[in-house]
Amino acid sequence: MKKILLVILGLILMLTTVSCGDNGKDVAKQDFENSMEALKKGDFSGLKMNKETVESLQMFTEGYKKMTYTINKVTEADNKVLVNVTMKYPNLAEVPAIHKEVMTQLAPSLQGKSDEEITNKSKEALKATIDEALKDSDLKYAEETFDVIYVKDGKEWKVADQGNEAYSKAVTFNFQQ
């Protein structure tokens, strides 16, 4: 599961690298909006991604459809753009524990299976657990306001590697191990 989160975070960073424009504020704002819409649509065909990355993102597609955001303010200073957003997203913090229980129950049936079969069963079980959680009538949401930090890297603006923990948490639905 940790690998899945790393793949998703990598994609988010890949989605959010754009060429430098005349106005960093406009470029960052447009990039943020485009990235969020791509996640919501689940359309990653325009991006160069391997099969594993696409599969990982597809596990969360229904969650991205439920995510909302509002851009409150965009400021620029010292080769940095801050996109202040309020995001509301499904809180899947309990899913890893549920998935662990499911895998414990499946363990006897996986005895003697190949690594590939075990991996495939684990992915299927995780997808089913996520889908079930997202369809639950008691689905909990989290709402947070934070800055998404873009930095200028040569001629491009990209989401900063450091300081965007709240953003990472939101786009992974608080799905942590």
C-alpha atoms as a PDB file:
ATOM      1  CA  MET A   1       0.000   0.000   0.000  1.00  0.00           C
ATOM      2  CA  LYS A   2       2.858   2.342   0.733  1.00  0.00           C
ATOM      3  CA  LYS A   3       4.071   1.822  -2.845  1.00  0.00           C
ATOM      4  CA  ILE A   4       0.646   2.846  -4.127  1.00  0.00           C
ATOM      5  CA  LEU A   5       0.786   6.090  -2.136  1.00  0.00           C
ATOM      6  CA  LEU A   6       4.260   6.884  -3.459  1.00  0.00           C
ATOM      7  CA  VAL A   7       3.083   6.287  -7.020  1.00  0.00           C
ATOM      8  CA  ILE A   8       0.115   8.611  -6.505  1.00  0.00           C
ATOM      9  CA  LEU A   9       2.238  11.333  -4.944  1.00  0.00           C
ATOM     10  CA  GLY A  10       4.694  11.019  -7.813  1.00  0.00           C
ATOM     11  CA  LEU A  11       1.849  11.459 -10.274  1.00  0.00           C
ATOM     12  CA  ILE A  12       0.586  14.539  -8.480  1.00  0.00           C
ATOM     13  CA  LEU A  13       4.030  16.072  -8.778  1.00  0.00           C
ATOM     14  CA  MET A  14       4.190  15.034 -12.437  1.00  0.00           C
ATOM     15  CA  LEU A  15       0.802  16.602 -13.114  1.00  0.00           C
ATOM     16  CA  THR A  16       1.948  19.841 -11.592  1.00  0.00           C
ATOM     17  CA  THR A  17       5.003  20.856 -13.579  1.00  0.00           C
ATOM     18  CA  VAL A  18       4.348  23.574 -16.107  1.00  0.00           C
ATOM     19  CA  SER A  19       6.281  25.941 -18.280  1.00  0.00           C
ATOM     20  CA  CYS A  20       7.057  29.347 -16.972  1.00  0.00           C
ATOM     21  CA  GLY A  21       4.621  32.002 -18.069  1.00  0.00           C
ATOM     22  CA  ASP A  22       4.667  35.744 -17.733  1.00  0.00           C
ATOM     23  CA  ASN A  23       2.756  35.541 -14.485  1.00  0.00           C
ATOM     24  CA  GLY A  24       3.630  32.739 -12.061  1.00  0.00           C
ATOM     25  CA  LYS A  25       0.347  33.260 -10.208  1.00  0.00           C
ATOM     26  CA  ASP A  26      -1.728  32.567 -13.306  1.00  0.00           C
ATOM     27  CA  VAL A  27       0.413  29.603 -14.351  1.00  0.00           C
ATOM     28  CA  ALA A  28       0.261  27.962 -10.908  1.00  0.00           C
ATOM     29  CA  LYS A  29      -3.473  28.572 -10.516  1.00  0.00           C
ATOM     30  CA  GLN A  30      -4.230  27.117 -13.951  1.00  0.00           C
ATOM     31  CA  ASP A  31      -1.971  24.139 -13.321  1.00  0.00           C
ATOM     32  CA  PHE A  32      -3.624  23.413  -9.979  1.00  0.00           C
ATOM     33  CA  GLU A  33      -7.083  23.559 -11.554  1.00  0.00           C
ATOM     34  CA  ASN A  34      -6.000  21.337 -14.479  1.00  0.00           C
ATOM     35  CA  SER A  35      -4.460  18.792 -12.103  1.00  0.00           C
ATOM     36  CA  MET A  36      -7.582  18.607  -9.949  1.00  0.00           C
ATOM     37  CA  GLU A  37      -9.827  18.226 -12.987  1.00  0.00           C
ATOM     38  CA  ALA A  38      -7.625  15.459 -14.421  1.00  0.00           C
ATOM     39  CA  LEU A  39      -7.894  13.584 -11.123  1.00  0.00           C
ATOM     40  CA  LYS A  40     -11.674  14.049 -10.989  1.00  0.00           C
ATOM     41  CA  LYS A  41     -12.151  12.843 -14.555  1.00  0.00           C
ATOM     42  CA  GLY A  42      -9.774   9.931 -14.110  1.00  0.00           C
ATOM     43  CA  ASP A  43      -8.387  10.729 -17.543  1.00  0.00           C
ATOM     44  CA  PHE A  44      -4.651  10.218 -17.466  1.00  0.00           C
ATOM     45  CA  SER A  45      -4.300   9.345 -21.152  1.00  0.00           C
ATOM     46  CA  GLY A  46      -2.387  12.527 -21.925  1.00  0.00           C
ATOM     47  CA  LEU A  47       0.332  11.722 -19.423  1.00  0.00           C
ATOM     48  CA  LYS A  48       3.225   9.339 -19.805  1.00  0.00           C
ATOM     49  CA  MET A  49       2.666   6.790 -17.058  1.00  0.00           C
ATOM     50  CA  ASN A  50       3.437   3.152 -16.580  1.00  0.00           C
ATOM     51  CA  LYS A  51       0.732   0.541 -16.058  1.00  0.00           C
ATOM     52  CA  GLU A  52       1.336   0.373 -12.294  1.00  0.00           C
ATOM     53  CA  THR A  53       0.800   4.113 -11.878  1.00  0.00           C
ATOM     54  CA  VAL A  54      -2.456   4.033 -13.841  1.00  0.00           C
ATOM     55  CA  GLU A  55      -3.706   1.059 -11.804  1.00  0.00           C
ATOM     56  CA  SER A  56      -2.887   2.839  -8.549  1.00  0.00           C
ATOM     57  CA  LEU A  57      -4.744   5.971  -9.582  1.00  0.00           C
ATOM     58  CA  GLN A  58      -7.743   4.005 -10.770  1.00  0.00           C
ATOM     59  CA  MET A  59      -8.178   2.609  -7.259  1.00  0.00           C
ATOM     60  CA  PHE A  60      -8.992   6.118  -6.047  1.00  0.00           C
ATOM     61  CA  THR A  61     -10.918   7.477  -9.039  1.00  0.00           C
ATOM     62  CA  GLU A  62     -14.291   7.430  -7.265  1.00  0.00           C
ATOM     63  CA  GLY A  63     -12.760   9.348  -4.367  1.00  0.00           C
ATOM     64  CA  TYR A  64     -11.386  12.044  -6.669  1.00  0.00           C
ATOM     65  CA  LYS A  65     -14.897  12.533  -8.038  1.00  0.00           C
ATOM     66  CA  LYS A  66     -16.086  13.322  -4.497  1.00  0.00           C
ATOM     67  CA  MET A  67     -13.265  15.768  -3.776  1.00  0.00           C
ATOM     68  CA  THR A  68     -14.013  19.498  -3.973  1.00  0.00           C
ATOM     69  CA  TYR A  69     -11.785  22.529  -3.731  1.00  0.00           C
ATOM     70  CA  THR A  70     -11.934  26.292  -3.688  1.00  0.00           C
ATOM     71  CA  ILE A  71      -8.997  28.501  -4.535  1.00  0.00           C
ATOM     72  CA  ASN A  72      -9.049  31.263  -1.947  1.00  0.00           C
ATOM     73  CA  LYS A  73      -6.047  33.323  -2.967  1.00  0.00           C
ATOM     74  CA  VAL A  74      -2.887  33.132  -5.062  1.00  0.00           C
ATOM     75  CA  THR A  75       0.235  35.065  -4.076  1.00  0.00           C
ATOM     76  CA  GLU A  76       3.724  35.248  -5.572  1.00  0.00           C
ATOM     77  CA  ALA A  77       7.019  36.266  -4.005  1.00  0.00           C
ATOM     78  CA  ASP A  78      10.675  35.233  -4.294  1.00  0.00           C
ATOM     79  CA  ASN A  79      10.243  32.629  -7.076  1.00  0.00           C
ATOM     80  CA  LYS A  80       7.470  30.989  -5.074  1.00  0.00           C
ATOM     81  CA  VAL A  81       3.729  30.927  -5.657  1.00  0.00           C
ATOM     82  CA  LEU A  82       1.297  30.019  -2.891  1.00  0.00           C
ATOM     83  CA  VAL A  83      -2.083  28.727  -4.025  1.00  0.00           C
ATOM     84  CA  ASN A  84      -4.261  28.897  -0.927  1.00  0.00           C
ATOM     85  CA  VAL A  85      -7.045  26.316  -1.235  1.00  0.00           C
ATOM     86  CA  THR A  86      -9.789  24.795   0.835  1.00  0.00           C
ATOM     87  CA  MET A  87     -10.202  21.126  -0.021  1.00  0.00           C
ATOM     88  CA  LYS A  88     -12.914  18.756   1.081  1.00  0.00           C
ATOM     89  CA  TYR A  89     -12.116  15.108   0.487  1.00  0.00           C
ATOM     90  CA  PRO A  90     -13.194  11.622   1.579  1.00  0.00           C
ATOM     91  CA  ASN A  91     -11.299  10.618   4.700  1.00  0.00           C
ATOM     92  CA  LEU A  92     -10.011   7.090   4.095  1.00  0.00           C
ATOM     93  CA  ALA A  93      -7.787   6.975   7.178  1.00  0.00           C
ATOM     94  CA  GLU A  94      -9.455   3.756   8.377  1.00  0.00           C
ATOM     95  CA  VAL A  95      -9.114   1.852   5.077  1.00  0.00           C
ATOM     96  CA  PRO A  96      -5.536   0.545   5.617  1.00  0.00           C
ATOM     97  CA  ALA A  97      -6.591  -1.167   8.876  1.00  0.00           C
ATOM     98  CA  ILE A  98      -9.658  -2.653   7.185  1.00  0.00           C
ATOM     99  CA  HIS A  99      -7.526  -3.847   4.271  1.00  0.00           C
ATOM    100  CA  LYS A 100      -5.095  -5.473   6.682  1.00  0.00           C
ATOM    101  CA  GLU A 101      -8.004  -7.409   8.239  1.00  0.00           C
ATOM    102  CA  VAL A 102      -9.227  -8.477   4.797  1.00  0.00           C
ATOM    103  CA  MET A 103      -5.746  -9.693   3.858  1.00  0.00           C
ATOM    104  CA  THR A 104      -5.476 -11.613   7.132  1.00  0.00           C
ATOM    105  CA  GLN A 105      -8.709 -13.387   6.241  1.00  0.00           C
ATOM    106  CA  LEU A 106      -7.460 -14.064   2.694  1.00  0.00           C
ATOM    107  CA  ALA A 107      -4.031 -15.301   3.821  1.00  0.00           C
ATOM    108  CA  PRO A 108      -4.952 -19.002   4.093  1.00  0.00           C
ATOM    109  CA  SER A 109      -6.315 -19.028   0.537  1.00  0.00           C
ATOM    110  CA  LEU A 110      -3.102 -17.428  -0.734  1.00  0.00           C
ATOM    111  CA  GLN A 111      -0.821 -20.133   0.651  1.00  0.00           C
ATOM    112  CA  GLY A 112       1.325 -21.578  -2.121  1.00  0.00           C
ATOM    113  CA  LYS A 113       0.339 -18.902  -4.642  1.00  0.00           C
ATOM    114  CA  SER A 114       2.897 -17.020  -6.726  1.00  0.00           C
ATOM    115  CA  ASP A 115       3.994 -13.501  -5.805  1.00  0.00           C
ATOM    116  CA  GLU A 116       2.096 -12.210  -8.828  1.00  0.00           C
ATOM    117  CA  GLU A 117      -1.133 -13.922  -7.738  1.00  0.00           C
ATOM    118  CA  ILE A 118      -0.743 -12.576  -4.199  1.00  0.00           C
ATOM    119  CA  THR A 119      -0.099  -9.066  -5.510  1.00  0.00           C
ATOM    120  CA  ASN A 120      -3.134  -9.225  -7.807  1.00  0.00           C
ATOM    121  CA  LYS A 121      -5.404 -10.500  -5.008  1.00  0.00           C
ATOM    122  CA  SER A 122      -4.110  -7.773  -2.696  1.00  0.00           C
ATOM    123  CA  LYS A 123      -4.829  -5.085  -5.315  1.00  0.00           C
ATOM    124  CA  GLU A 124      -8.319  -6.479  -5.934  1.00  0.00           C
ATOM    125  CA  ALA A 125      -9.029  -6.565  -2.207  1.00  0.00           C
ATOM    126  CA  LEU A 126      -7.717  -3.026  -1.731  1.00  0.00           C
ATOM    127  CA  LYS A 127      -9.819  -1.681  -4.621  1.00  0.00           C
ATOM    128  CA  ALA A 128     -12.913  -3.409  -3.207  1.00  0.00           C
ATOM    129  CA  THR A 129     -12.212  -2.025   0.283  1.00  0.00           C
ATOM    130  CA  ILE A 130     -11.720   1.509  -1.062  1.00  0.00           C
ATOM    131  CA  ASP A 131     -14.875   1.312  -3.204  1.00  0.00           C
ATOM    132  CA  GLU A 132     -16.891   0.018  -0.273  1.00  0.00           C
ATOM    133  CA  ALA A 133     -15.646   2.828   1.964  1.00  0.00           C
ATOM    134  CA  LEU A 134     -16.441   5.452  -0.697  1.00  0.00           C
ATOM    135  CA  LYS A 135     -19.990   4.088  -1.151  1.00  0.00           C
ATOM    136  CA  ASP A 136     -20.683   3.970   2.576  1.00  0.00           C
ATOM    137  CA  SER A 137     -23.550   6.277   3.534  1.00  0.00           C
ATOM    138  CA  ASP A 138     -21.549   7.241   6.625  1.00  0.00           C
ATOM    139  CA  LEU A 139     -18.461   8.258   4.620  1.00  0.00           C
ATOM    140  CA  LYS A 140     -16.556  10.876   6.586  1.00  0.00           C
ATOM    141  CA  TYR A 141     -15.011  13.891   4.904  1.00  0.00           C
ATOM    142  CA  ALA A 142     -12.129  16.066   5.941  1.00  0.00           C
ATOM    143  CA  GLU A 143     -11.913  19.732   5.061  1.00  0.00           C
ATOM    144  CA  GLU A 144      -8.731  21.731   5.303  1.00  0.00           C
ATOM    145  CA  THR A 145      -7.373  25.060   4.134  1.00  0.00           C
ATOM    146  CA  PHE A 146      -3.694  25.158   3.190  1.00  0.00           C
ATOM    147  CA  ASP A 147      -1.177  26.523   0.714  1.00  0.00           C
ATOM    148  CA  VAL A 148       0.035  24.517  -2.253  1.00  0.00           C
ATOM    149  CA  ILE A 149       3.568  25.734  -2.807  1.00  0.00           C
ATOM    150  CA  TYR A 150       4.898  26.086  -6.339  1.00  0.00           C
ATOM    151  CA  VAL A 151       8.548  26.913  -6.938  1.00  0.00           C
ATOM    152  CA  LYS A 152      10.335  28.121 -10.030  1.00  0.00           C
ATOM    153  CA  ASP A 153      12.787  25.551 -11.303  1.00  0.00           C
ATOM    154  CA  GLY A 154      14.627  27.003 -14.267  1.00  0.00           C
ATOM    155  CA  LYS A 155      11.882  27.901 -16.729  1.00  0.00           C
ATOM    156  CA  GLU A 156       9.181  25.774 -15.104  1.00  0.00           C
ATOM    157  CA  TRP A 157       6.876  26.062 -12.154  1.00  0.00           C
ATOM    158  CA  LYS A 158       6.381  22.884 -10.149  1.00  0.00           C
ATOM    159  CA  VAL A 159       4.860  21.830  -6.872  1.00  0.00           C
ATOM    160  CA  ALA A 160       7.612  22.075  -4.269  1.00  0.00           C
ATOM    161  CA  ASP A 161       9.049  18.826  -2.965  1.00  0.00           C
ATOM    162  CA  GLN A 162       8.984  20.183   0.589  1.00  0.00           C
ATOM    163  CA  GLY A 163       6.218  21.951   2.491  1.00  0.00           C
ATOM    164  CA  ASN A 164       3.203  20.419   0.743  1.00  0.00           C
ATOM    165  CA  GLU A 165       2.331  17.771   3.318  1.00  0.00           C
ATOM    166  CA  ALA A 166      -1.264  18.983   3.706  1.00  0.00           C
ATOM    167  CA  TYR A 167      -1.741  18.823  -0.070  1.00  0.00           C
ATOM    168  CA  SER A 168      -0.298  15.300  -0.203  1.00  0.00           C
ATOM    169  CA  LYS A 169      -2.571  14.235   2.643  1.00  0.00           C
ATOM    170  CA  ALA A 170      -5.634  15.647   0.868  1.00  0.00           C
ATOM    171  CA  VAL A 171      -4.971  14.031  -2.522  1.00  0.00           C
ATOM    172  CA  THR A 172      -4.325  10.658  -0.867  1.00  0.00           C
ATOM    173  CA  PHE A 173      -7.496  11.016   1.265  1.00  0.00           C
ATOM    174  CA  ASN A 174      -5.570  10.726   4.530  1.00  0.00           C
ATOM    175  CA  PHE A 175      -4.813   7.133   3.475  1.00  0.00           C
ATOM    176  CA  GLN A 176      -1.778   6.333   5.622  1.00  0.00           C
ATOM    177  CA  GLN A 177      -0.149   3.279   7.066  1.00  0.00           C
END
